[in-house]
Amino acid sequence: MHTIPRLRSRLNTLLIAGALVTGCGTGAADTGPPLLDPSHPTWSEQAPATFEVRFETSEGVFVVGVHREWAPIGADRFYNLVQNRFFDDARFHRVVEGFIVQFGLPGDPSVAETWLDQTMSDDPVRESNTAGRIAYAFTEPNTRATQVYISMTDNSRLDVQGFAPFGEIVDGMDVVSRIYSGYGEDSGGGVRRGDQSRIVAEGNAYLDRTFPELDRILTARVVRR
């Protein structure tokens, strides 16, 4: 059973979500033309040399600081995903305690299907996968797309496998550490381990039905350039 703090966190989630509905019309991701059209010009914008992204989640707020020089291709993709609200309402679908927190599969199946094969070239590894660093998950070389992970420990062993960090948590690592990990590999597998076809095909409807305790991203916004 969950502790009182976790129940309070769930209540805060509902209050925040209600505020989003009141202020913006919806707390869900915008599934307009850019999200369904990877060829749209908005996806080719170059990211600033450094920028920060504020993630408001069901567990609280954390901030990612991105350094384009670390991994420019990955940083540009991340910047444009955030600018187009790709991560809004996504679940933290793979959380392995003492290893990683992974997200980047959209809750809308139409968006997930659109981006499944929108891969990009690899960046050379210039920084190490130490605790708090963020990088893309992938299977084979040049197959990075939209899924990213946050290292929860020193994962420098991943450096030689080609996982190139493009940023790091600059505030709220305690929030990241509270993201629900009870399902482990079962809820999302890894892109190298499990079959994620149900998540892609059914989106949040499947995850919320089968893994209802997963934490979620409410919004992700660039807050400093």
Protein backbone atom coordinates (compact mmCIF):
# COMPACT_ATOMS: atom_id res chain seq x y z
CA MET A 1 0.00 0.00 0.00
CA HIS A 2 1.11 3.56 -0.65
CA THR A 3 2.29 5.89 2.07
CA ILE A 4 0.47 9.09 3.04
CA PRO A 5 3.01 11.28 1.17
CA ARG A 6 2.32 9.36 -2.03
CA LEU A 7 -1.44 9.78 -1.60
CA ARG A 8 -0.90 13.49 -1.06
CA SER A 9 1.18 13.57 -4.24
CA ARG A 10 -1.70 11.99 -6.16
CA LEU A 11 -4.07 14.63 -4.75
CA ASN A 12 -1.67 17.38 -5.80
CA THR A 13 -1.63 15.88 -9.29
CA LEU A 14 -5.41 16.23 -9.53
CA LEU A 15 -5.27 19.82 -8.31
CA ILE A 16 -2.53 20.74 -10.77
CA ALA A 17 -4.34 19.01 -13.62
CA GLY A 18 -7.51 20.92 -12.71
CA ALA A 19 -5.61 24.18 -12.85
CA LEU A 20 -4.27 23.29 -16.26
CA VAL A 21 -7.77 22.60 -17.51
CA THR A 22 -8.99 25.90 -16.14
CA GLY A 23 -6.08 27.93 -17.52
CA CYS A 24 -5.33 26.26 -20.82
CA GLY A 25 -8.36 24.26 -21.84
CA THR A 26 -6.60 20.89 -21.52
CA GLY A 27 -3.65 19.31 -19.77
CA ALA A 28 -3.14 16.75 -22.52
CA ALA A 29 -0.64 16.94 -25.34
CA ASP A 30 -1.61 18.97 -28.40
CA THR A 31 -2.02 16.51 -31.26
CA GLY A 32 -2.14 19.16 -33.95
CA PRO A 33 -0.33 19.03 -37.32
CA PRO A 34 3.30 19.38 -36.11
CA LEU A 35 3.05 16.32 -33.86
CA LEU A 36 1.58 14.29 -36.70
CA ASP A 37 3.95 15.64 -39.36
CA PRO A 38 7.68 15.03 -38.71
CA SER A 39 8.47 16.93 -41.93
CA HIS A 40 6.97 20.15 -40.55
CA PRO A 41 9.56 22.99 -40.49
CA THR A 42 9.23 23.35 -36.72
CA TRP A 43 11.18 20.11 -36.24
CA SER A 44 14.32 21.49 -37.89
CA GLU A 45 14.92 24.34 -35.44
CA GLN A 46 18.37 24.34 -33.88
CA ALA A 47 18.47 24.34 -30.10
CA PRO A 48 20.19 27.10 -28.12
CA ALA A 49 23.70 26.36 -26.91
CA THR A 50 22.26 25.79 -23.44
CA PHE A 51 18.70 25.70 -22.19
CA GLU A 52 16.63 24.33 -19.33
CA VAL A 53 13.40 22.35 -19.42
CA ARG A 54 10.99 22.35 -16.47
CA PHE A 55 9.09 19.10 -16.07
CA GLU A 56 5.94 19.30 -13.98
CA THR A 57 5.03 15.75 -12.95
CA SER A 58 2.72 13.83 -10.65
CA GLU A 59 5.57 13.71 -8.13
CA GLY A 60 6.65 17.33 -8.37
CA VAL A 61 8.97 19.44 -10.51
CA PHE A 62 12.41 18.70 -11.88
CA VAL A 63 14.57 20.65 -14.31
CA VAL A 64 16.84 19.33 -17.05
CA GLY A 65 19.77 21.45 -18.16
CA VAL A 66 20.81 20.74 -21.76
CA HIS A 67 24.23 21.43 -23.30
CA ARG A 68 24.06 21.27 -27.08
CA GLU A 69 27.82 20.76 -27.42
CA TRP A 70 27.53 17.46 -25.54
CA ALA A 71 25.30 15.88 -28.22
CA PRO A 72 23.96 18.39 -30.78
CA ILE A 73 21.73 16.04 -32.75
CA GLY A 74 20.07 14.70 -29.64
CA ALA A 75 19.79 18.15 -28.06
CA ASP A 76 18.06 19.57 -31.14
CA ARG A 77 15.54 16.71 -31.17
CA PHE A 78 14.85 17.11 -27.45
CA TYR A 79 14.39 20.87 -27.79
CA ASN A 80 11.90 20.48 -30.61
CA LEU A 81 10.01 17.69 -28.85
CA VAL A 82 9.57 19.95 -25.83
CA GLN A 83 8.64 22.99 -27.94
CA ASN A 84 5.90 20.95 -29.62
CA ARG A 85 4.66 19.55 -26.28
CA PHE A 86 5.46 15.99 -27.22
CA PHE A 87 6.07 14.89 -23.63
CA ASP A 88 2.89 16.35 -22.13
CA ASP A 89 0.76 13.68 -20.43
CA ALA A 90 3.32 10.93 -21.13
CA ARG A 91 3.93 8.23 -18.51
CA PHE A 92 7.25 7.26 -16.97
CA HIS A 93 6.77 3.85 -18.51
CA ARG A 94 10.03 2.20 -17.45
CA VAL A 95 11.46 2.89 -14.01
CA VAL A 96 14.09 0.52 -12.67
CA GLU A 97 15.16 1.35 -9.12
CA GLY A 98 18.86 2.10 -8.87
CA PHE A 99 19.25 2.22 -12.66
CA ILE A 100 17.11 4.52 -14.82
CA VAL A 101 13.85 6.45 -15.23
CA GLN A 102 12.66 6.28 -18.83
CA PHE A 103 9.99 8.18 -20.77
CA GLY A 104 9.24 9.43 -24.28
CA LEU A 105 6.36 7.29 -25.56
CA PRO A 106 3.39 9.63 -26.14
CA GLY A 107 -0.01 8.77 -24.75
CA ASP A 108 -1.76 9.36 -28.08
CA PRO A 109 -1.36 6.26 -30.30
CA SER A 110 -1.51 8.34 -33.48
CA VAL A 111 1.47 10.39 -32.33
CA ALA A 112 3.33 7.31 -31.12
CA GLU A 113 2.90 5.58 -34.46
CA THR A 114 4.01 8.70 -36.33
CA TRP A 115 7.30 8.94 -34.41
CA LEU A 116 8.14 5.27 -33.97
CA ASP A 117 10.50 5.21 -36.95
CA GLN A 118 11.66 8.82 -36.90
CA THR A 119 15.20 7.88 -35.99
CA MET A 120 18.28 10.09 -36.02
CA SER A 121 22.01 9.64 -36.37
CA ASP A 122 24.10 8.96 -33.29
CA ASP A 123 26.11 11.62 -31.51
CA PRO A 124 29.62 10.74 -30.33
CA VAL A 125 29.77 10.18 -26.58
CA ARG A 126 31.42 13.25 -25.07
CA GLU A 127 30.07 13.04 -21.52
CA SER A 128 29.59 10.12 -19.15
CA ASN A 129 26.34 8.50 -18.03
CA THR A 130 26.78 9.47 -14.40
CA ALA A 131 23.88 9.92 -11.98
CA GLY A 132 21.45 12.59 -13.12
CA ARG A 133 22.52 12.59 -16.77
CA ILE A 134 19.90 12.20 -19.53
CA ALA A 135 20.39 10.38 -22.85
CA TYR A 136 18.38 8.58 -25.53
CA ALA A 137 17.49 4.91 -25.36
CA PHE A 138 18.08 2.94 -28.55
CA THR A 139 18.51 -0.57 -29.93
CA GLU A 140 20.99 -0.50 -32.79
CA PRO A 141 23.28 2.33 -33.97
CA ASN A 142 21.42 5.31 -35.41
CA THR A 143 18.03 4.27 -34.01
CA ARG A 144 17.48 6.99 -31.42
CA ALA A 145 14.00 8.48 -31.69
CA THR A 146 12.05 9.96 -28.75
CA GLN A 147 12.66 7.77 -25.69
CA VAL A 148 15.09 9.14 -23.13
CA TYR A 149 16.30 7.97 -19.74
CA ILE A 150 17.70 9.60 -16.63
CA SER A 151 20.51 7.71 -14.92
CA MET A 152 19.75 7.09 -11.26
CA THR A 153 23.27 5.92 -10.49
CA ASP A 154 26.70 5.90 -12.09
CA ASN A 155 25.93 4.21 -15.41
CA SER A 156 29.27 5.06 -17.01
CA ARG A 157 29.44 1.48 -18.30
CA LEU A 158 26.89 2.63 -20.90
CA ASP A 159 29.38 5.09 -22.40
CA VAL A 160 31.15 2.46 -24.48
CA GLN A 161 27.79 1.28 -25.84
CA GLY A 162 27.19 4.65 -27.50
CA PHE A 163 24.66 6.25 -25.14
CA ALA A 164 25.45 9.96 -25.41
CA PRO A 165 24.17 12.24 -22.61
CA PHE A 166 22.90 15.62 -23.80
CA GLY A 167 21.95 17.08 -20.45
CA GLU A 168 21.53 16.54 -16.73
CA ILE A 169 19.15 17.16 -13.86
CA VAL A 170 19.98 20.58 -12.41
CA ASP A 171 17.12 20.72 -9.91
CA GLY A 172 14.70 18.19 -8.44
CA MET A 173 16.70 14.96 -8.45
CA ASP A 174 14.81 14.07 -5.28
CA VAL A 175 11.60 14.28 -7.31
CA VAL A 176 13.01 11.97 -9.97
CA SER A 177 13.98 9.48 -7.25
CA ARG A 178 10.35 9.34 -6.08
CA ILE A 179 8.91 8.40 -9.47
CA TYR A 180 7.07 5.11 -9.08
CA SER A 181 9.31 2.11 -9.72
CA GLY A 182 7.10 -0.73 -8.52
CA TYR A 183 6.52 -2.20 -11.97
CA GLY A 184 10.18 -2.30 -12.94
CA GLU A 185 10.66 -3.69 -16.44
CA ASP A 186 7.10 -5.02 -16.65
CA SER A 187 5.33 -1.78 -17.55
CA GLY A 188 7.51 -0.71 -20.45
CA GLY A 189 10.38 -3.06 -20.90
CA GLY A 190 13.32 -1.47 -22.58
CA VAL A 191 13.69 -0.78 -26.26
CA ARG A 192 16.30 -3.52 -26.09
CA ARG A 193 14.34 -5.86 -23.85
CA GLY A 194 10.57 -5.84 -24.06
CA ASP A 195 7.78 -5.53 -26.58
CA GLN A 196 6.35 -2.01 -26.41
CA SER A 197 3.78 -2.58 -29.15
CA ARG A 198 0.81 -2.35 -26.75
CA ILE A 199 1.97 1.06 -25.53
CA VAL A 200 2.43 2.31 -29.08
CA ALA A 201 -0.92 0.89 -30.23
CA GLU A 202 -3.06 1.86 -27.25
CA GLY A 203 -1.12 4.62 -25.49
CA ASN A 204 -2.14 5.87 -22.08
CA ALA A 205 -5.38 3.91 -22.18
CA TYR A 206 -3.37 0.69 -21.97
CA LEU A 207 -0.86 1.96 -19.40
CA ASP A 208 -3.51 3.48 -17.13
CA ARG A 209 -5.59 0.31 -17.25
CA THR A 210 -2.75 -2.15 -16.72
CA PHE A 211 -0.23 -0.11 -14.71
CA PRO A 212 -2.34 2.53 -12.94
CA GLU A 213 0.35 3.60 -10.47
CA LEU A 214 2.73 4.94 -13.11
CA ASP A 215 3.70 8.54 -12.57
CA ARG A 216 3.22 10.99 -15.40
CA ILE A 217 4.49 14.17 -16.98
CA LEU A 218 1.94 16.95 -16.80
CA THR A 219 3.92 19.50 -18.83
CA ALA A 220 7.46 20.02 -20.10
CA ARG A 221 8.48 23.56 -21.06
CA VAL A 222 11.66 25.40 -22.00
CA VAL A 223 12.17 27.94 -19.22
CA ARG A 224 15.65 29.33 -19.92
CA ARG A 225 17.66 29.79 -23.13
